[in-house]
Amino acid sequence: MNFFELVAQLAQGLVSTVVVTLVCSGTGMAVGLTVAGLRRMGYAHLVPFLDGFTYIFRGVPVLVLLFLVYFGLPSVGIKVGPLLAMALSLGLIAGAYLAEVFRGALDSVEASEILAAEAMGMSRFQILTSIEFPQMLRLAVPGMINEFTSILKYSPFAYTVGIAEITKQAMTLTATTLRGIEIYLAVGVLYFLIYRILLAGVHFLEKRYQVPGLGTT
């Protein structure tokens, strides 16, 4: 079995790796937008809980939280599937980081635009969804790319809960062929290719929806 045949064998776990990355990224986006939006809406009584969420989940190791969800919850009668366990661990941690990214981007939105919208009679929710969020998402692209990259790098933890992604395939191949150096080199190549493809997609969207005049001199 040559190097390219090893890559072909490992690619059998490619779909699982991409699915885990996309599901956790989607969960992180949803959680981050929700937390940032609730904080921006001005619900003072929620701020301590939102701050507590971001503080705790940014400090918990991904693997510890994953084991707590997947192996710990069944002990209290809650059965969690492997993909859901990844979403509830890696997705929530990513959401906590993205919430801070979004908060910084929201602070960059011009206050004059918000005042003008209020003068026009728009509700706080309308201002958030129609004026602040569209600009915030454009401004937050660099931070989002960084977090999505982290999600991809943490996706190999999925093998610990039985998802047959690339790392799981590599462990199986290494056990049967004893060619660890070549196999894990191939794993690195596959992850790099996934990263470059995802990065190219994000950059395409960034250029497509870039704020006119932003970044130009």
Protein backbone atom coordinates (compact mmCIF):
# COMPACT_ATOMS: atom_id res chain seq x y z
CA MET A 1 0.00 0.00 0.00
CA ASN A 2 1.62 3.25 -1.16
CA PHE A 3 1.16 6.73 0.31
CA PHE A 4 -1.72 7.65 -2.00
CA GLU A 5 -3.56 4.45 -1.15
CA LEU A 6 -3.17 5.32 2.53
CA VAL A 7 -4.71 8.74 1.86
CA ALA A 8 -7.59 7.05 0.03
CA GLN A 9 -8.21 4.78 3.02
CA LEU A 10 -8.12 7.69 5.44
CA ALA A 11 -10.48 9.69 3.23
CA GLN A 12 -13.24 7.27 4.25
CA GLY A 13 -13.47 9.30 7.45
CA LEU A 14 -13.44 12.61 5.58
CA VAL A 15 -17.22 13.00 5.52
CA SER A 16 -17.50 12.45 9.27
CA THR A 17 -14.77 15.02 9.93
CA VAL A 18 -16.48 17.62 7.75
CA VAL A 19 -19.90 16.88 9.30
CA VAL A 20 -18.54 17.24 12.84
CA THR A 21 -16.80 20.50 11.92
CA LEU A 22 -19.91 21.96 10.26
CA VAL A 23 -22.30 20.88 13.03
CA CYS A 24 -20.08 22.29 15.77
CA SER A 25 -19.48 25.48 13.76
CA GLY A 26 -23.23 25.89 13.26
CA THR A 27 -23.88 25.31 16.96
CA GLY A 28 -21.17 27.80 17.87
CA MET A 29 -22.60 30.42 15.49
CA ALA A 30 -26.13 29.98 16.86
CA VAL A 31 -24.99 30.15 20.49
CA GLY A 32 -22.64 33.07 19.87
CA LEU A 33 -25.30 35.11 18.05
CA THR A 34 -27.87 34.36 20.74
CA VAL A 35 -25.59 35.39 23.60
CA ALA A 36 -24.33 38.52 21.82
CA GLY A 37 -27.86 39.46 20.77
CA LEU A 38 -29.35 39.05 24.25
CA ARG A 39 -26.57 41.13 25.73
CA ARG A 40 -27.08 43.82 23.07
CA MET A 41 -30.83 43.91 23.68
CA GLY A 42 -30.11 45.43 27.08
CA TYR A 43 -31.68 42.80 29.34
CA ALA A 44 -29.76 43.74 32.47
CA HIS A 45 -31.02 40.77 34.50
CA LEU A 46 -29.54 38.37 31.91
CA VAL A 47 -26.08 39.92 31.76
CA PRO A 48 -24.66 38.02 34.80
CA PHE A 49 -25.84 34.70 33.34
CA LEU A 50 -24.46 35.52 29.89
CA ASP A 51 -21.13 36.61 31.36
CA GLY A 52 -21.06 33.46 33.49
CA PHE A 53 -21.69 31.29 30.43
CA THR A 54 -18.83 32.80 28.42
CA TYR A 55 -16.49 32.77 31.44
CA ILE A 56 -17.12 29.11 32.27
CA PHE A 57 -17.20 27.64 28.78
CA ARG A 58 -14.07 29.47 27.65
CA GLY A 59 -12.22 27.90 30.56
CA VAL A 60 -13.38 24.28 30.29
CA PRO A 61 -11.19 21.88 28.22
CA VAL A 62 -13.05 20.45 25.23
CA LEU A 63 -12.22 16.82 26.03
CA VAL A 64 -13.35 17.15 29.65
CA LEU A 65 -16.70 18.63 28.64
CA LEU A 66 -17.12 16.02 25.89
CA PHE A 67 -16.61 13.18 28.37
CA LEU A 68 -18.93 14.86 30.86
CA VAL A 69 -21.69 15.04 28.26
CA TYR A 70 -21.20 11.67 26.57
CA PHE A 71 -20.19 9.48 29.52
CA GLY A 72 -21.55 11.51 32.42
CA LEU A 73 -25.12 12.35 31.40
CA PRO A 74 -26.17 8.68 30.91
CA SER A 75 -25.54 8.18 34.65
CA VAL A 76 -28.49 10.51 35.33
CA GLY A 77 -30.67 8.93 32.66
CA ILE A 78 -29.85 11.21 29.72
CA LYS A 79 -28.57 9.36 26.65
CA VAL A 80 -26.63 11.55 24.21
CA GLY A 81 -25.53 10.49 20.74
CA PRO A 82 -21.92 11.04 19.58
CA LEU A 83 -22.65 13.93 17.19
CA LEU A 84 -24.92 15.68 19.69
CA ALA A 85 -22.25 15.24 22.35
CA MET A 86 -19.76 17.02 20.09
CA ALA A 87 -22.26 19.83 19.46
CA LEU A 88 -22.93 20.22 23.20
CA SER A 89 -19.24 20.34 24.07
CA LEU A 90 -17.15 21.74 21.24
CA GLY A 91 -20.13 23.70 19.85
CA LEU A 92 -20.89 25.42 23.16
CA ILE A 93 -17.25 26.24 23.83
CA ALA A 94 -16.94 27.72 20.34
CA GLY A 95 -20.15 29.65 20.97
CA ALA A 96 -18.68 31.21 24.10
CA TYR A 97 -15.65 32.43 22.17
CA LEU A 98 -17.74 33.63 19.23
CA ALA A 99 -20.01 35.56 21.60
CA GLU A 100 -17.00 37.66 22.61
CA VAL A 101 -15.96 38.07 18.97
CA PHE A 102 -19.46 39.27 18.11
CA ARG A 103 -19.60 41.60 21.08
CA GLY A 104 -16.44 43.36 19.93
CA ALA A 105 -17.75 43.60 16.37
CA LEU A 106 -21.08 45.01 17.58
CA ASP A 107 -19.24 47.73 19.48
CA SER A 108 -17.74 48.81 16.15
CA VAL A 109 -21.13 49.60 14.62
CA GLU A 110 -21.62 53.37 14.34
CA ALA A 111 -23.79 54.72 17.17
CA SER A 112 -25.19 57.35 14.82
CA GLU A 113 -26.83 54.62 12.72
CA ILE A 114 -28.56 53.23 15.79
CA LEU A 115 -29.77 56.68 16.84
CA ALA A 116 -31.10 57.30 13.33
CA ALA A 117 -32.99 54.00 13.39
CA GLU A 118 -34.48 54.83 16.79
CA ALA A 119 -35.56 58.21 15.46
CA MET A 120 -37.36 56.41 12.62
CA GLY A 121 -39.33 54.40 15.17
CA MET A 122 -37.61 51.03 14.70
CA SER A 123 -37.80 48.64 17.65
CA ARG A 124 -34.67 47.46 19.43
CA PHE A 125 -35.05 44.01 17.86
CA GLN A 126 -35.45 45.49 14.37
CA ILE A 127 -32.32 47.58 14.86
CA LEU A 128 -30.38 44.54 16.03
CA THR A 129 -31.42 42.26 13.17
CA SER A 130 -31.57 44.80 10.33
CA ILE A 131 -28.68 47.15 11.12
CA GLU A 132 -26.31 45.79 13.75
CA PHE A 133 -26.11 42.06 12.92
CA PRO A 134 -25.47 42.48 9.16
CA GLN A 135 -22.55 44.85 9.82
CA MET A 136 -21.32 42.85 12.79
CA LEU A 137 -21.07 39.62 10.80
CA ARG A 138 -18.92 41.34 8.18
CA LEU A 139 -16.64 42.89 10.78
CA ALA A 140 -16.34 39.62 12.73
CA VAL A 141 -15.04 37.52 9.81
CA PRO A 142 -11.37 37.35 11.00
CA GLY A 143 -12.41 36.21 14.47
CA MET A 144 -14.88 33.72 13.01
CA ILE A 145 -12.21 32.22 10.76
CA ASN A 146 -9.93 31.78 13.75
CA GLU A 147 -12.64 30.01 15.74
CA PHE A 148 -13.72 27.78 12.86
CA THR A 149 -10.07 26.76 12.45
CA SER A 150 -9.97 25.83 16.13
CA ILE A 151 -13.12 23.73 15.71
CA LEU A 152 -11.49 21.81 12.85
CA LYS A 153 -8.39 21.20 14.96
CA TYR A 154 -10.50 19.91 17.86
CA SER A 155 -12.67 17.68 15.64
CA PRO A 156 -10.35 14.65 16.09
CA PHE A 157 -11.75 14.35 19.63
CA ALA A 158 -14.83 12.88 17.92
CA TYR A 159 -13.05 9.52 17.72
CA THR A 160 -13.20 9.24 21.52
CA VAL A 161 -17.00 8.95 21.34
CA GLY A 162 -17.02 6.52 18.43
CA ILE A 163 -17.31 8.74 15.36
CA ALA A 164 -15.27 7.19 12.55
CA GLU A 165 -13.55 10.36 11.37
CA ILE A 166 -10.05 10.67 9.92
CA THR A 167 -8.18 10.16 13.21
CA LYS A 168 -10.18 7.02 14.01
CA GLN A 169 -9.35 5.63 10.57
CA ALA A 170 -5.68 6.48 11.14
CA MET A 171 -5.59 4.57 14.43
CA THR A 172 -7.15 1.52 12.77
CA LEU A 173 -4.72 1.63 9.84
CA THR A 174 -1.73 2.11 12.15
CA ALA A 175 -2.74 -0.95 14.17
CA THR A 176 -2.93 -3.13 11.05
CA THR A 177 -0.03 -1.78 8.97
CA LEU A 178 2.40 -0.41 11.61
CA ARG A 179 3.18 2.52 9.26
CA GLY A 180 2.44 5.28 11.72
CA ILE A 181 4.72 7.97 10.25
CA GLU A 182 3.21 7.72 6.76
CA ILE A 183 -0.34 7.43 8.05
CA TYR A 184 -0.23 10.43 10.35
CA LEU A 185 1.60 12.44 7.70
CA ALA A 186 -1.35 11.66 5.43
CA VAL A 187 -3.72 12.75 8.21
CA GLY A 188 -1.92 16.07 8.38
CA VAL A 189 -2.22 16.49 4.62
CA LEU A 190 -5.97 15.81 4.70
CA TYR A 191 -6.60 18.23 7.55
CA PHE A 192 -4.57 20.89 5.77
CA LEU A 193 -6.61 20.40 2.59
CA ILE A 194 -9.88 20.65 4.53
CA TYR A 195 -8.62 23.82 6.20
CA ARG A 196 -7.63 25.42 2.90
CA ILE A 197 -10.96 24.58 1.27
CA LEU A 198 -12.97 25.96 4.20
CA LEU A 199 -10.76 29.04 4.31
CA ALA A 200 -11.24 29.64 0.58
CA GLY A 201 -15.00 29.42 1.07
CA VAL A 202 -14.98 31.90 3.94
CA HIS A 203 -12.78 34.33 2.00
CA PHE A 204 -15.18 34.12 -0.94
CA LEU A 205 -18.09 35.04 1.33
CA GLU A 206 -16.01 37.79 2.94
CA LYS A 207 -15.33 39.42 -0.43
CA ARG A 208 -18.90 38.87 -1.57
CA TYR A 209 -20.40 40.65 1.44
CA GLN A 210 -17.60 43.05 2.33
CA VAL A 211 -18.68 46.45 3.58
CA PRO A 212 -18.05 48.93 0.72
CA GLY A 213 -14.89 50.90 1.37
CA LEU A 214 -13.82 48.74 4.32
CA GLY A 215 -10.12 47.97 4.21
CA THR A 216 -9.42 50.30 1.33
CA THR A 217 -7.26 53.39 1.47
